[in-house]
Amino acid sequence: MRHAAAKANRWEDHYARLARKERYPARSVYKLQEIQKRFGVVRRGSAILDLGCAPGSWLMHAAEIAGPSGCIVGVDLTPVTVSLPAHVSVYTKDVFELVEDPVAFFGRPFDVVLSDMAPATTGSRGVDAARSHHLCEAALAIARQVLRPGGSFVCKIFQGEDFKSFTAAVQGAFPECKIFKPQSCRKASKEIYLIGKGKTGGPHVRS
């Protein structure tokens, strides 16, 4: 019984208990809170695109910061089932299907693109990092097309051999690029966040 209880509580920690107390569906909300406190990427009235938004914690927190005058749009393969305010909308869709023309799909530009996407892990660090990089490339491609000039980009990536090249790609689109690991990340996790601010150029517009 003790072994079973220990296995059941394997991922239980302070942040998981706090998320449950504060009625967020996942502890990941505290990563966004730390990012927001440090970098101030979301403002009142911001239009925000949240890639990999399930189960909805980042959607909820972004909506709280942006307020009713903001617009929050989420995308994930997994349906989001939590209750969300009226200024939040969610699409159950594969992000890779949006890379070619996200402007046409969303029909609007954004001030912030958030990506907390992570691949289904295999246990192989190399494979998992490569899959994470593939998702990050899609997120950056979308951000380049939908962000307004000066917009911000937040992206989770698993550290691996592609980390430096992806960092360089983000730096190429955002004059200010920071690497940040929130304290709420699990100690054993290889995840880290890139924060790009001040996007150069405007949203892609089809001619």
N, C-alpha and C. Protein backbone atom coordinates (compact mmCIF):
# COMPACT_ATOMS: atom_id res chain seq x y z
N MET A 1 0.83 -1.20 0.00
CA MET A 1 0.00 0.00 0.00
C MET A 1 0.87 1.26 0.00
N ARG A 2 1.95 1.22 0.77
CA ARG A 2 2.83 2.38 0.81
C ARG A 2 3.44 2.65 -0.55
N HIS A 3 3.84 1.58 -1.24
CA HIS A 3 4.44 1.72 -2.57
C HIS A 3 3.44 2.33 -3.54
N ALA A 4 2.20 1.87 -3.47
CA ALA A 4 1.16 2.38 -4.36
C ALA A 4 0.89 3.85 -4.09
N ALA A 5 0.86 4.21 -2.81
CA ALA A 5 0.62 5.61 -2.44
C ALA A 5 1.77 6.50 -2.91
N ALA A 6 2.99 5.98 -2.77
CA ALA A 6 4.15 6.76 -3.20
C ALA A 6 4.13 6.97 -4.70
N LYS A 7 3.73 5.93 -5.45
CA LYS A 7 3.65 6.05 -6.90
C LYS A 7 2.57 7.04 -7.30
N ALA A 8 1.44 7.01 -6.60
CA ALA A 8 0.32 7.90 -6.91
C ALA A 8 0.70 9.35 -6.65
N ASN A 9 1.56 9.57 -5.65
CA ASN A 9 1.94 10.94 -5.27
C ASN A 9 3.28 11.35 -5.86
N ARG A 10 3.74 10.64 -6.88
CA ARG A 10 5.06 10.88 -7.45
C ARG A 10 5.24 12.33 -7.90
N TRP A 11 4.20 12.88 -8.52
CA TRP A 11 4.30 14.24 -9.05
C TRP A 11 3.66 15.28 -8.14
N GLU A 12 3.24 14.86 -6.96
CA GLU A 12 2.61 15.79 -6.02
C GLU A 12 3.69 16.64 -5.36
N ASP A 13 3.53 17.96 -5.41
CA ASP A 13 4.45 18.85 -4.73
C ASP A 13 3.70 20.12 -4.32
N HIS A 14 4.44 21.09 -3.80
CA HIS A 14 3.83 22.34 -3.34
C HIS A 14 3.02 23.01 -4.42
N TYR A 15 3.56 23.04 -5.64
CA TYR A 15 2.88 23.74 -6.73
C TYR A 15 1.61 23.00 -7.18
N ALA A 16 1.67 21.68 -7.16
CA ALA A 16 0.49 20.90 -7.52
C ALA A 16 -0.63 21.11 -6.51
N ARG A 17 -0.26 21.14 -5.23
CA ARG A 17 -1.26 21.36 -4.18
C ARG A 17 -1.82 22.79 -4.26
N LEU A 18 -0.95 23.75 -4.55
CA LEU A 18 -1.39 25.14 -4.65
C LEU A 18 -2.32 25.33 -5.85
N ALA A 19 -2.01 24.69 -6.96
CA ALA A 19 -2.87 24.78 -8.14
C ALA A 19 -4.26 24.24 -7.84
N ARG A 20 -4.30 23.13 -7.12
CA ARG A 20 -5.59 22.56 -6.76
C ARG A 20 -6.36 23.51 -5.84
N LYS A 21 -5.67 24.11 -4.90
CA LYS A 21 -6.30 25.05 -3.97
C LYS A 21 -6.83 26.28 -4.69
N GLU A 22 -6.07 26.77 -5.68
CA GLU A 22 -6.45 27.98 -6.40
C GLU A 22 -7.29 27.68 -7.64
N ARG A 23 -7.66 26.42 -7.82
CA ARG A 23 -8.57 25.98 -8.87
C ARG A 23 -8.02 26.15 -10.29
N TYR A 24 -6.73 25.91 -10.42
CA TYR A 24 -6.13 25.82 -11.75
C TYR A 24 -6.00 24.33 -12.10
N PRO A 25 -6.17 23.97 -13.36
CA PRO A 25 -6.11 22.56 -13.72
C PRO A 25 -4.70 21.96 -13.72
N ALA A 26 -3.66 22.79 -13.69
CA ALA A 26 -2.29 22.26 -13.68
C ALA A 26 -1.33 23.23 -13.00
N ARG A 27 -0.25 22.67 -12.44
CA ARG A 27 0.76 23.45 -11.75
C ARG A 27 1.55 24.36 -12.70
N SER A 28 1.45 24.13 -14.00
CA SER A 28 2.20 24.91 -14.98
C SER A 28 1.86 26.40 -14.93
N VAL A 29 0.73 26.74 -14.33
CA VAL A 29 0.34 28.15 -14.23
C VAL A 29 1.41 28.98 -13.52
N TYR A 30 2.14 28.37 -12.59
CA TYR A 30 3.11 29.12 -11.81
C TYR A 30 4.37 29.43 -12.62
N LYS A 31 4.60 28.66 -13.67
CA LYS A 31 5.69 28.99 -14.59
C LYS A 31 5.36 30.28 -15.33
N LEU A 32 4.12 30.39 -15.81
CA LEU A 32 3.72 31.61 -16.49
C LEU A 32 3.70 32.79 -15.53
N GLN A 33 3.30 32.57 -14.31
CA GLN A 33 3.31 33.65 -13.33
C GLN A 33 4.73 34.18 -13.12
N GLU A 34 5.70 33.28 -13.03
CA GLU A 34 7.09 33.71 -12.85
C GLU A 34 7.60 34.45 -14.08
N ILE A 35 7.26 33.95 -15.26
CA ILE A 35 7.66 34.61 -16.51
C ILE A 35 7.05 36.00 -16.59
N GLN A 36 5.78 36.11 -16.25
CA GLN A 36 5.09 37.40 -16.29
C GLN A 36 5.71 38.38 -15.29
N LYS A 37 5.99 37.90 -14.11
CA LYS A 37 6.57 38.78 -13.08
C LYS A 37 7.95 39.28 -13.50
N ARG A 38 8.71 38.44 -14.16
CA ARG A 38 10.09 38.79 -14.55
C ARG A 38 10.13 39.62 -15.84
N PHE A 39 9.26 39.30 -16.81
CA PHE A 39 9.39 39.90 -18.13
C PHE A 39 8.19 40.75 -18.57
N GLY A 40 7.06 40.63 -17.88
CA GLY A 40 5.89 41.44 -18.20
C GLY A 40 5.42 41.32 -19.64
N VAL A 41 5.30 40.10 -20.13
CA VAL A 41 4.96 39.89 -21.55
C VAL A 41 3.49 40.17 -21.85
N VAL A 42 2.62 39.99 -20.87
CA VAL A 42 1.18 40.18 -21.08
C VAL A 42 0.75 41.49 -20.41
N ARG A 43 -0.06 42.26 -21.13
CA ARG A 43 -0.56 43.52 -20.60
C ARG A 43 -2.09 43.54 -20.65
N ARG A 44 -2.64 44.49 -19.94
CA ARG A 44 -4.09 44.67 -19.98
C ARG A 44 -4.53 44.93 -21.42
N GLY A 45 -5.51 44.19 -21.87
CA GLY A 45 -6.02 44.38 -23.22
C GLY A 45 -5.25 43.64 -24.30
N SER A 46 -4.24 42.84 -23.93
CA SER A 46 -3.43 42.11 -24.92
C SER A 46 -4.24 41.07 -25.67
N ALA A 47 -3.87 40.88 -26.93
CA ALA A 47 -4.37 39.75 -27.73
C ALA A 47 -3.31 38.66 -27.65
N ILE A 48 -3.69 37.48 -27.16
CA ILE A 48 -2.72 36.43 -26.83
C ILE A 48 -3.09 35.13 -27.53
N LEU A 49 -2.10 34.50 -28.13
CA LEU A 49 -2.27 33.18 -28.72
C LEU A 49 -1.50 32.19 -27.87
N ASP A 50 -2.19 31.18 -27.35
CA ASP A 50 -1.61 30.18 -26.46
C ASP A 50 -1.57 28.84 -27.20
N LEU A 51 -0.38 28.42 -27.62
CA LEU A 51 -0.21 27.17 -28.35
C LEU A 51 0.09 26.04 -27.37
N GLY A 52 -0.64 24.94 -27.50
CA GLY A 52 -0.50 23.84 -26.54
C GLY A 52 -1.17 24.21 -25.23
N CYS A 53 -2.39 24.71 -25.33
CA CYS A 53 -3.05 25.36 -24.19
C CYS A 53 -3.68 24.42 -23.16
N ALA A 54 -3.91 23.14 -23.51
CA ALA A 54 -4.54 22.22 -22.57
C ALA A 54 -3.59 21.93 -21.39
N PRO A 55 -4.11 21.77 -20.18
CA PRO A 55 -5.53 21.71 -19.80
C PRO A 55 -6.20 23.06 -19.55
N GLY A 56 -5.44 24.18 -19.69
CA GLY A 56 -6.08 25.48 -19.61
C GLY A 56 -5.55 26.46 -18.58
N SER A 57 -4.53 26.07 -17.82
CA SER A 57 -4.02 26.96 -16.77
C SER A 57 -3.46 28.26 -17.32
N TRP A 58 -2.69 28.17 -18.43
CA TRP A 58 -2.12 29.39 -19.01
C TRP A 58 -3.23 30.26 -19.60
N LEU A 59 -4.23 29.65 -20.20
CA LEU A 59 -5.38 30.41 -20.71
C LEU A 59 -6.03 31.21 -19.59
N MET A 60 -6.26 30.54 -18.48
CA MET A 60 -6.93 31.19 -17.35
C MET A 60 -6.12 32.36 -16.81
N HIS A 61 -4.82 32.14 -16.64
CA HIS A 61 -3.99 33.20 -16.06
C HIS A 61 -3.82 34.36 -17.04
N ALA A 62 -3.63 34.05 -18.31
CA ALA A 62 -3.51 35.11 -19.32
C ALA A 62 -4.78 35.93 -19.38
N ALA A 63 -5.92 35.27 -19.26
CA ALA A 63 -7.21 35.97 -19.28
C ALA A 63 -7.35 36.90 -18.08
N GLU A 64 -6.84 36.46 -16.94
CA GLU A 64 -6.89 37.28 -15.73
C GLU A 64 -6.06 38.55 -15.90
N ILE A 65 -4.88 38.41 -16.50
CA ILE A 65 -3.99 39.56 -16.67
C ILE A 65 -4.53 40.51 -17.73
N ALA A 66 -4.93 39.96 -18.88
CA ALA A 66 -5.39 40.79 -19.99
C ALA A 66 -6.72 41.46 -19.69
N GLY A 67 -7.55 40.80 -18.89
CA GLY A 67 -8.85 41.36 -18.55
C GLY A 67 -9.85 41.22 -19.69
N PRO A 68 -11.09 41.62 -19.45
CA PRO A 68 -12.17 41.48 -20.45
C PRO A 68 -11.90 42.22 -21.76
N SER A 69 -11.04 43.23 -21.73
CA SER A 69 -10.73 43.95 -22.97
C SER A 69 -9.69 43.22 -23.81
N GLY A 70 -9.13 42.16 -23.27
CA GLY A 70 -8.16 41.36 -24.01
C GLY A 70 -8.84 40.28 -24.83
N CYS A 71 -8.04 39.56 -25.59
CA CYS A 71 -8.53 38.45 -26.41
C CYS A 71 -7.53 37.32 -26.29
N ILE A 72 -7.98 36.17 -25.80
CA ILE A 72 -7.09 35.02 -25.62
C ILE A 72 -7.61 33.88 -26.49
N VAL A 73 -6.72 33.35 -27.32
CA VAL A 73 -7.06 32.24 -28.22
C VAL A 73 -6.12 31.08 -27.92
N GLY A 74 -6.67 29.91 -27.72
CA GLY A 74 -5.87 28.73 -27.44
C GLY A 74 -6.00 27.68 -28.51
N VAL A 75 -4.94 26.89 -28.68
CA VAL A 75 -4.92 25.78 -29.65
C VAL A 75 -4.28 24.57 -28.99
N ASP A 76 -4.93 23.42 -29.12
CA ASP A 76 -4.33 22.18 -28.61
C ASP A 76 -5.02 20.99 -29.27
N LEU A 77 -4.29 19.90 -29.38
CA LEU A 77 -4.88 18.65 -29.87
C LEU A 77 -5.89 18.09 -28.87
N THR A 78 -5.63 18.34 -27.59
CA THR A 78 -6.51 17.86 -26.52
C THR A 78 -7.56 18.90 -26.19
N PRO A 79 -8.83 18.54 -26.15
CA PRO A 79 -9.88 19.51 -25.81
C PRO A 79 -9.68 20.09 -24.41
N VAL A 80 -9.99 21.36 -24.26
CA VAL A 80 -9.93 22.03 -22.96
C VAL A 80 -11.31 22.00 -22.35
N THR A 81 -11.43 21.44 -21.15
CA THR A 81 -12.75 21.23 -20.55
C THR A 81 -13.05 22.16 -19.39
N VAL A 82 -12.07 22.95 -18.94
CA VAL A 82 -12.32 23.85 -17.81
C VAL A 82 -13.19 25.03 -18.27
N SER A 83 -13.86 25.63 -17.31
CA SER A 83 -14.68 26.80 -17.60
C SER A 83 -13.77 28.01 -17.87
N LEU A 84 -14.05 28.73 -18.94
CA LEU A 84 -13.23 29.87 -19.35
C LEU A 84 -14.10 31.10 -19.54
N PRO A 85 -13.54 32.28 -19.33
CA PRO A 85 -14.32 33.51 -19.51
C PRO A 85 -14.65 33.77 -20.98
N ALA A 86 -15.54 34.73 -21.20
CA ALA A 86 -16.06 34.99 -22.55
C ALA A 86 -14.99 35.47 -23.52
N HIS A 87 -13.92 36.09 -23.03
CA HIS A 87 -12.91 36.61 -23.95
C HIS A 87 -11.82 35.58 -24.26
N VAL A 88 -12.11 34.31 -23.99
CA VAL A 88 -11.20 33.21 -24.33
C VAL A 88 -11.89 32.26 -25.30
N SER A 89 -11.21 31.89 -26.36
CA SER A 89 -11.73 30.89 -27.30
C SER A 89 -10.65 29.85 -27.55
N VAL A 90 -11.07 28.61 -27.82
CA VAL A 90 -10.13 27.51 -27.96
C VAL A 90 -10.46 26.70 -29.21
N TYR A 91 -9.41 26.35 -29.96
CA TYR A 91 -9.54 25.48 -31.12
C TYR A 91 -8.86 24.15 -30.82
N THR A 92 -9.56 23.06 -31.07
CA THR A 92 -8.96 21.73 -30.94
C THR A 92 -8.38 21.38 -32.30
N LYS A 93 -7.08 21.57 -32.42
CA LYS A 93 -6.44 21.47 -33.73
C LYS A 93 -4.95 21.18 -33.58
N ASP A 94 -4.38 20.57 -34.62
CA ASP A 94 -2.95 20.29 -34.67
C ASP A 94 -2.21 21.57 -35.06
N VAL A 95 -1.27 21.98 -34.23
CA VAL A 95 -0.51 23.21 -34.48
C VAL A 95 0.22 23.15 -35.82
N PHE A 96 0.69 21.98 -36.19
CA PHE A 96 1.44 21.87 -37.45
C PHE A 96 0.57 22.21 -38.67
N GLU A 97 -0.73 22.07 -38.52
CA GLU A 97 -1.63 22.41 -39.62
C GLU A 97 -1.77 23.93 -39.80
N LEU A 98 -1.32 24.70 -38.81
CA LEU A 98 -1.47 26.15 -38.84
C LEU A 98 -0.24 26.87 -39.38
N VAL A 99 0.87 26.17 -39.50
CA VAL A 99 2.14 26.82 -39.82
C VAL A 99 2.10 27.53 -41.17
N GLU A 100 1.46 26.93 -42.15
CA GLU A 100 1.48 27.50 -43.50
C GLU A 100 0.81 28.87 -43.59
N ASP A 101 -0.34 29.03 -42.92
CA ASP A 101 -1.05 30.31 -43.02
C ASP A 101 -1.89 30.58 -41.77
N PRO A 102 -1.25 30.85 -40.64
CA PRO A 102 -2.01 31.11 -39.41
C PRO A 102 -2.81 32.41 -39.47
N VAL A 103 -2.35 33.38 -40.26
CA VAL A 103 -3.07 34.64 -40.38
C VAL A 103 -4.47 34.40 -40.95
N ALA A 104 -4.55 33.57 -41.96
CA ALA A 104 -5.85 33.27 -42.56
C ALA A 104 -6.74 32.51 -41.58
N PHE A 105 -6.14 31.62 -40.78
CA PHE A 105 -6.94 30.84 -39.85
C PHE A 105 -7.50 31.69 -38.73
N PHE A 106 -6.65 32.49 -38.10
CA PHE A 106 -7.09 33.28 -36.95
C PHE A 106 -7.78 34.59 -37.35
N GLY A 107 -7.40 35.14 -38.48
CA GLY A 107 -8.05 36.35 -38.96
C GLY A 107 -7.71 37.60 -38.17
N ARG A 108 -6.61 37.55 -37.41
CA ARG A 108 -6.23 38.70 -36.61
C ARG A 108 -4.78 38.57 -36.17
N PRO A 109 -4.12 39.69 -35.85
CA PRO A 109 -2.77 39.63 -35.29
C PRO A 109 -2.83 39.50 -33.77
N PHE A 110 -1.69 39.23 -33.17
CA PHE A 110 -1.59 39.07 -31.72
C PHE A 110 -0.45 39.90 -31.16
N ASP A 111 -0.56 40.22 -29.88
CA ASP A 111 0.51 40.93 -29.17
C ASP A 111 1.50 39.95 -28.54
N VAL A 112 1.03 38.76 -28.21
CA VAL A 112 1.84 37.76 -27.52
C VAL A 112 1.52 36.38 -28.07
N VAL A 113 2.56 35.58 -28.29
CA VAL A 113 2.38 34.16 -28.59
C VAL A 113 3.07 33.37 -27.48
N LEU A 114 2.31 32.52 -26.82
CA LEU A 114 2.82 31.65 -25.77
C LEU A 114 2.85 30.22 -26.28
N SER A 115 3.90 29.50 -25.98
CA SER A 115 3.95 28.08 -26.32
C SER A 115 4.52 27.29 -25.16
N ASP A 116 3.66 26.52 -24.53
CA ASP A 116 4.09 25.60 -23.47
C ASP A 116 4.00 24.16 -23.99
N MET A 117 4.08 24.02 -25.31
CA MET A 117 3.93 22.70 -25.93
C MET A 117 5.08 21.77 -25.53
N ALA A 118 4.72 20.51 -25.37
CA ALA A 118 5.72 19.47 -25.09
C ALA A 118 5.30 18.20 -25.83
N PRO A 119 6.26 17.45 -26.33
CA PRO A 119 5.93 16.21 -27.03
C PRO A 119 5.58 15.09 -26.07
N ALA A 120 4.95 14.06 -26.59
CA ALA A 120 4.78 12.84 -25.81
C ALA A 120 6.19 12.26 -25.61
N THR A 121 6.59 12.11 -24.36
CA THR A 121 7.97 11.72 -24.09
C THR A 121 8.18 10.21 -24.25
N THR A 122 9.41 9.85 -24.64
CA THR A 122 9.76 8.45 -24.89
C THR A 122 10.70 7.89 -23.83
N GLY A 123 11.31 8.80 -23.04
CA GLY A 123 12.32 8.37 -22.08
C GLY A 123 13.72 8.53 -22.63
N SER A 124 13.83 8.75 -23.94
CA SER A 124 15.13 9.03 -24.56
C SER A 124 15.30 10.54 -24.65
N ARG A 125 16.29 11.07 -23.95
CA ARG A 125 16.48 12.52 -23.91
C ARG A 125 16.71 13.10 -25.30
N GLY A 126 17.49 12.39 -26.12
CA GLY A 126 17.77 12.87 -27.46
C GLY A 126 16.53 12.93 -28.33
N VAL A 127 15.74 11.88 -28.29
CA VAL A 127 14.51 11.84 -29.07
C VAL A 127 13.52 12.89 -28.58
N ASP A 128 13.37 12.98 -27.26
CA ASP A 128 12.42 13.95 -26.70
C ASP A 128 12.83 15.38 -27.02
N ALA A 129 14.12 15.67 -26.96
CA ALA A 129 14.61 17.01 -27.28
C ALA A 129 14.37 17.34 -28.75
N ALA A 130 14.58 16.37 -29.62
CA ALA A 130 14.36 16.59 -31.05
C ALA A 130 12.88 16.85 -31.34
N ARG A 131 12.01 16.12 -30.68
CA ARG A 131 10.57 16.34 -30.85
C ARG A 131 10.15 17.70 -30.31
N SER A 132 10.73 18.08 -29.18
CA SER A 132 10.44 19.39 -28.61
C SER A 132 10.87 20.49 -29.58
N HIS A 133 12.05 20.33 -30.17
CA HIS A 133 12.55 21.32 -31.12
C HIS A 133 11.62 21.46 -32.32
N HIS A 134 11.08 20.36 -32.78
CA HIS A 134 10.15 20.38 -33.91
C HIS A 134 8.91 21.21 -33.56
N LEU A 135 8.38 21.05 -32.36
CA LEU A 135 7.24 21.84 -31.91
C LEU A 135 7.62 23.32 -31.80
N CYS A 136 8.81 23.58 -31.29
CA CYS A 136 9.25 24.97 -31.13
C CYS A 136 9.41 25.66 -32.47
N GLU A 137 9.91 24.95 -33.45
CA GLU A 137 10.02 25.52 -34.79
C GLU A 137 8.65 25.92 -35.33
N ALA A 138 7.65 25.08 -35.08
CA ALA A 138 6.29 25.41 -35.53
C ALA A 138 5.77 26.63 -34.79
N ALA A 139 6.02 26.70 -33.48
CA ALA A 139 5.56 27.85 -32.69
C ALA A 139 6.21 29.14 -33.18
N LEU A 140 7.51 29.09 -33.46
CA LEU A 140 8.21 30.29 -33.92
C LEU A 140 7.72 30.70 -35.31
N ALA A 141 7.48 29.74 -36.17
CA ALA A 141 6.98 30.06 -37.51
C ALA A 141 5.62 30.77 -37.43
N ILE A 142 4.78 30.30 -36.53
CA ILE A 142 3.48 30.93 -36.34
C ILE A 142 3.65 32.33 -35.75
N ALA A 143 4.51 32.45 -34.74
CA ALA A 143 4.73 33.74 -34.09
C ALA A 143 5.24 34.78 -35.09
N ARG A 144 6.14 34.39 -35.95
CA ARG A 144 6.68 35.32 -36.95
C ARG A 144 5.58 35.88 -37.84
N GLN A 145 4.55 35.09 -38.07
CA GLN A 145 3.51 35.50 -38.99
C GLN A 145 2.36 36.28 -38.34
N VAL A 146 2.08 35.99 -37.09
CA VAL A 146 0.88 36.60 -36.48
C VAL A 146 1.17 37.72 -35.49
N LEU A 147 2.43 37.85 -35.05
CA LEU A 147 2.72 38.87 -34.04
C LEU A 147 2.79 40.27 -34.65
N ARG A 148 2.25 41.22 -33.92
CA ARG A 148 2.40 42.63 -34.29
C ARG A 148 3.85 43.07 -34.06
N PRO A 149 4.27 44.17 -34.69
CA PRO A 149 5.61 44.70 -34.40
C PRO A 149 5.75 44.97 -32.90
N GLY A 150 6.87 44.59 -32.34
CA GLY A 150 7.09 44.77 -30.91
C GLY A 150 6.51 43.68 -30.05
N GLY A 151 5.87 42.68 -30.66
CA GLY A 151 5.22 41.61 -29.91
C GLY A 151 6.20 40.70 -29.19
N SER A 152 5.65 39.85 -28.30
CA SER A 152 6.47 38.98 -27.46
C SER A 152 6.17 37.51 -27.72
N PHE A 153 7.18 36.68 -27.48
CA PHE A 153 7.11 35.25 -27.73
C PHE A 153 7.69 34.51 -26.53
N VAL A 154 6.94 33.55 -26.00
CA VAL A 154 7.41 32.72 -24.90
C VAL A 154 7.33 31.27 -25.35
N CYS A 155 8.43 30.55 -25.28
CA CYS A 155 8.45 29.19 -25.82
C CYS A 155 9.24 28.24 -24.93
N LYS A 156 8.61 27.13 -24.58
CA LYS A 156 9.29 26.07 -23.82
C LYS A 156 10.02 25.15 -24.79
N ILE A 157 11.23 24.78 -24.43
CA ILE A 157 12.00 23.83 -25.23
C ILE A 157 12.75 22.88 -24.30
N PHE A 158 12.88 21.63 -24.71
CA PHE A 158 13.72 20.69 -23.99
C PHE A 158 15.16 20.90 -24.45
N GLN A 159 16.07 21.03 -23.51
CA GLN A 159 17.46 21.28 -23.87
C GLN A 159 18.08 20.05 -24.54
N GLY A 160 18.71 20.29 -25.69
CA GLY A 160 19.34 19.23 -26.45
C GLY A 160 20.28 19.85 -27.47
N GLU A 161 20.66 19.08 -28.46
CA GLU A 161 21.65 19.56 -29.41
C GLU A 161 21.12 20.68 -30.32
N ASP A 162 19.78 20.84 -30.41
CA ASP A 162 19.20 21.89 -31.24
C ASP A 162 18.93 23.18 -30.47
N PHE A 163 19.25 23.19 -29.20
CA PHE A 163 18.91 24.35 -28.38
C PHE A 163 19.60 25.63 -28.86
N LYS A 164 20.88 25.56 -29.16
CA LYS A 164 21.61 26.75 -29.58
C LYS A 164 21.09 27.30 -30.90
N SER A 165 20.80 26.41 -31.84
CA SER A 165 20.32 26.87 -33.14
C SER A 165 18.93 27.49 -33.03
N PHE A 166 18.09 26.94 -32.14
CA PHE A 166 16.77 27.52 -31.97
C PHE A 166 16.86 28.87 -31.27
N THR A 167 17.76 28.98 -30.29
CA THR A 167 17.96 30.26 -29.62
C THR A 167 18.39 31.32 -30.63
N ALA A 168 19.27 30.95 -31.54
CA ALA A 168 19.73 31.88 -32.58
C ALA A 168 18.57 32.29 -33.49
N ALA A 169 17.67 31.37 -33.78
CA ALA A 169 16.52 31.68 -34.62
C ALA A 169 15.59 32.68 -33.93
N VAL A 170 15.39 32.49 -32.62
CA VAL A 170 14.56 33.44 -31.86
C VAL A 170 15.24 34.81 -31.81
N GLN A 171 16.54 34.82 -31.61
CA GLN A 171 17.28 36.08 -31.57
C GLN A 171 17.20 36.82 -32.90
N GLY A 172 17.03 36.08 -33.99
CA GLY A 172 16.93 36.70 -35.29
C GLY A 172 15.62 37.44 -35.51
N ALA A 173 14.61 37.09 -34.74
CA ALA A 173 13.30 37.73 -34.89
C ALA A 173 12.97 38.70 -33.76
N PHE A 174 13.70 38.56 -32.64
CA PHE A 174 13.41 39.38 -31.45
C PHE A 174 14.71 39.99 -30.93
N PRO A 175 14.84 41.31 -30.96
CA PRO A 175 16.06 41.97 -30.50
C PRO A 175 16.41 41.63 -29.05
N GLU A 176 15.37 41.42 -28.24
CA GLU A 176 15.60 41.04 -26.85
C GLU A 176 15.20 39.58 -26.67
N CYS A 177 16.17 38.75 -26.32
CA CYS A 177 15.90 37.32 -26.14
C CYS A 177 16.56 36.85 -24.85
N LYS A 178 15.77 36.28 -23.96
CA LYS A 178 16.27 35.81 -22.67
C LYS A 178 15.98 34.33 -22.49
N ILE A 179 16.87 33.67 -21.77
CA ILE A 179 16.70 32.27 -21.40
C ILE A 179 16.33 32.24 -19.92
N PHE A 180 15.28 31.50 -19.60
CA PHE A 180 14.77 31.55 -18.22
C PHE A 180 14.22 30.19 -17.81
N LYS A 181 14.60 29.75 -16.62
CA LYS A 181 14.03 28.53 -16.06
C LYS A 181 13.30 28.88 -14.78
N PRO A 182 11.97 28.87 -14.78
CA PRO A 182 11.21 29.20 -13.57
C PRO A 182 11.53 28.24 -12.43
N GLN A 183 11.44 28.74 -11.21
CA GLN A 183 11.68 27.90 -10.04
C GLN A 183 10.64 26.78 -9.94
N SER A 184 9.46 27.02 -10.52
CA SER A 184 8.39 26.02 -10.44
C SER A 184 8.58 24.86 -11.41
N CYS A 185 9.60 24.92 -12.28
CA CYS A 185 9.92 23.76 -13.10
C CYS A 185 10.45 22.65 -12.18
N ARG A 186 10.13 21.44 -12.50
CA ARG A 186 10.64 20.33 -11.70
C ARG A 186 12.16 20.26 -11.85
N LYS A 187 12.85 19.95 -10.77
CA LYS A 187 14.31 19.97 -10.77
C LYS A 187 14.91 19.04 -11.81
N ALA A 188 14.27 17.90 -12.02
CA ALA A 188 14.82 16.92 -12.96
C ALA A 188 14.49 17.25 -14.41
N SER A 189 13.64 18.24 -14.63
CA SER A 189 13.18 18.55 -15.97
C SER A 189 14.26 19.23 -16.80
N LYS A 190 14.31 18.89 -18.10
CA LYS A 190 15.24 19.53 -19.03
C LYS A 190 14.59 20.71 -19.75
N GLU A 191 13.37 21.06 -19.35
CA GLU A 191 12.69 22.16 -20.02
C GLU A 191 13.27 23.50 -19.59
N ILE A 192 13.23 24.44 -20.54
CA ILE A 192 13.66 25.80 -20.28
C ILE A 192 12.85 26.69 -21.22
N TYR A 193 12.77 27.97 -20.90
CA TYR A 193 11.94 28.88 -21.69
C TYR A 193 12.79 29.95 -22.35
N LEU A 194 12.43 30.26 -23.60
CA LEU A 194 13.01 31.39 -24.31
C LEU A 194 11.96 32.48 -24.36
N ILE A 195 12.35 33.69 -24.01
CA ILE A 195 11.43 34.83 -24.03
C ILE A 195 11.97 35.85 -25.02
N GLY A 196 11.24 36.06 -26.10
CA GLY A 196 11.62 37.04 -27.11
C GLY A 196 10.70 38.24 -27.02
N LYS A 197 11.28 39.45 -27.04
CA LYS A 197 10.49 40.67 -26.96
C LYS A 197 10.92 41.65 -28.05
N GLY A 198 9.95 42.48 -28.49
CA GLY A 198 10.25 43.51 -29.48
C GLY A 198 10.35 42.98 -30.89
N LYS A 199 9.41 42.11 -31.27
CA LYS A 199 9.46 41.48 -32.58
C LYS A 199 9.65 42.51 -33.71
N THR A 200 10.56 42.21 -34.61
CA THR A 200 10.81 43.09 -35.75
C THR A 200 9.86 42.74 -36.88
N GLY A 201 9.40 43.76 -37.61
CA GLY A 201 8.48 43.52 -38.72
C GLY A 201 7.07 43.30 -38.24
N GLY A 202 6.11 43.39 -39.14
CA GLY A 202 4.72 43.22 -38.80
C GLY A 202 4.20 41.84 -39.10
N PRO A 203 2.91 41.60 -38.84
CA PRO A 203 2.31 40.32 -39.18
C PRO A 203 2.37 40.07 -40.68
N HIS A 204 2.55 38.84 -41.06
CA HIS A 204 2.57 38.47 -42.47
C HIS A 204 1.19 38.71 -43.08
N VAL A 205 1.15 39.39 -44.20
CA VAL A 205 -0.12 39.64 -44.88
C VAL A 205 -0.02 39.08 -46.29
N ARG A 206 -0.96 38.27 -46.66
CA ARG A 206 -0.95 37.68 -48.00
C ARG A 206 -1.25 38.75 -49.04
N SER A 207 -0.50 38.71 -50.13
CA SER A 207 -0.71 39.71 -51.20
C SER A 207 -1.81 39.26 -52.14
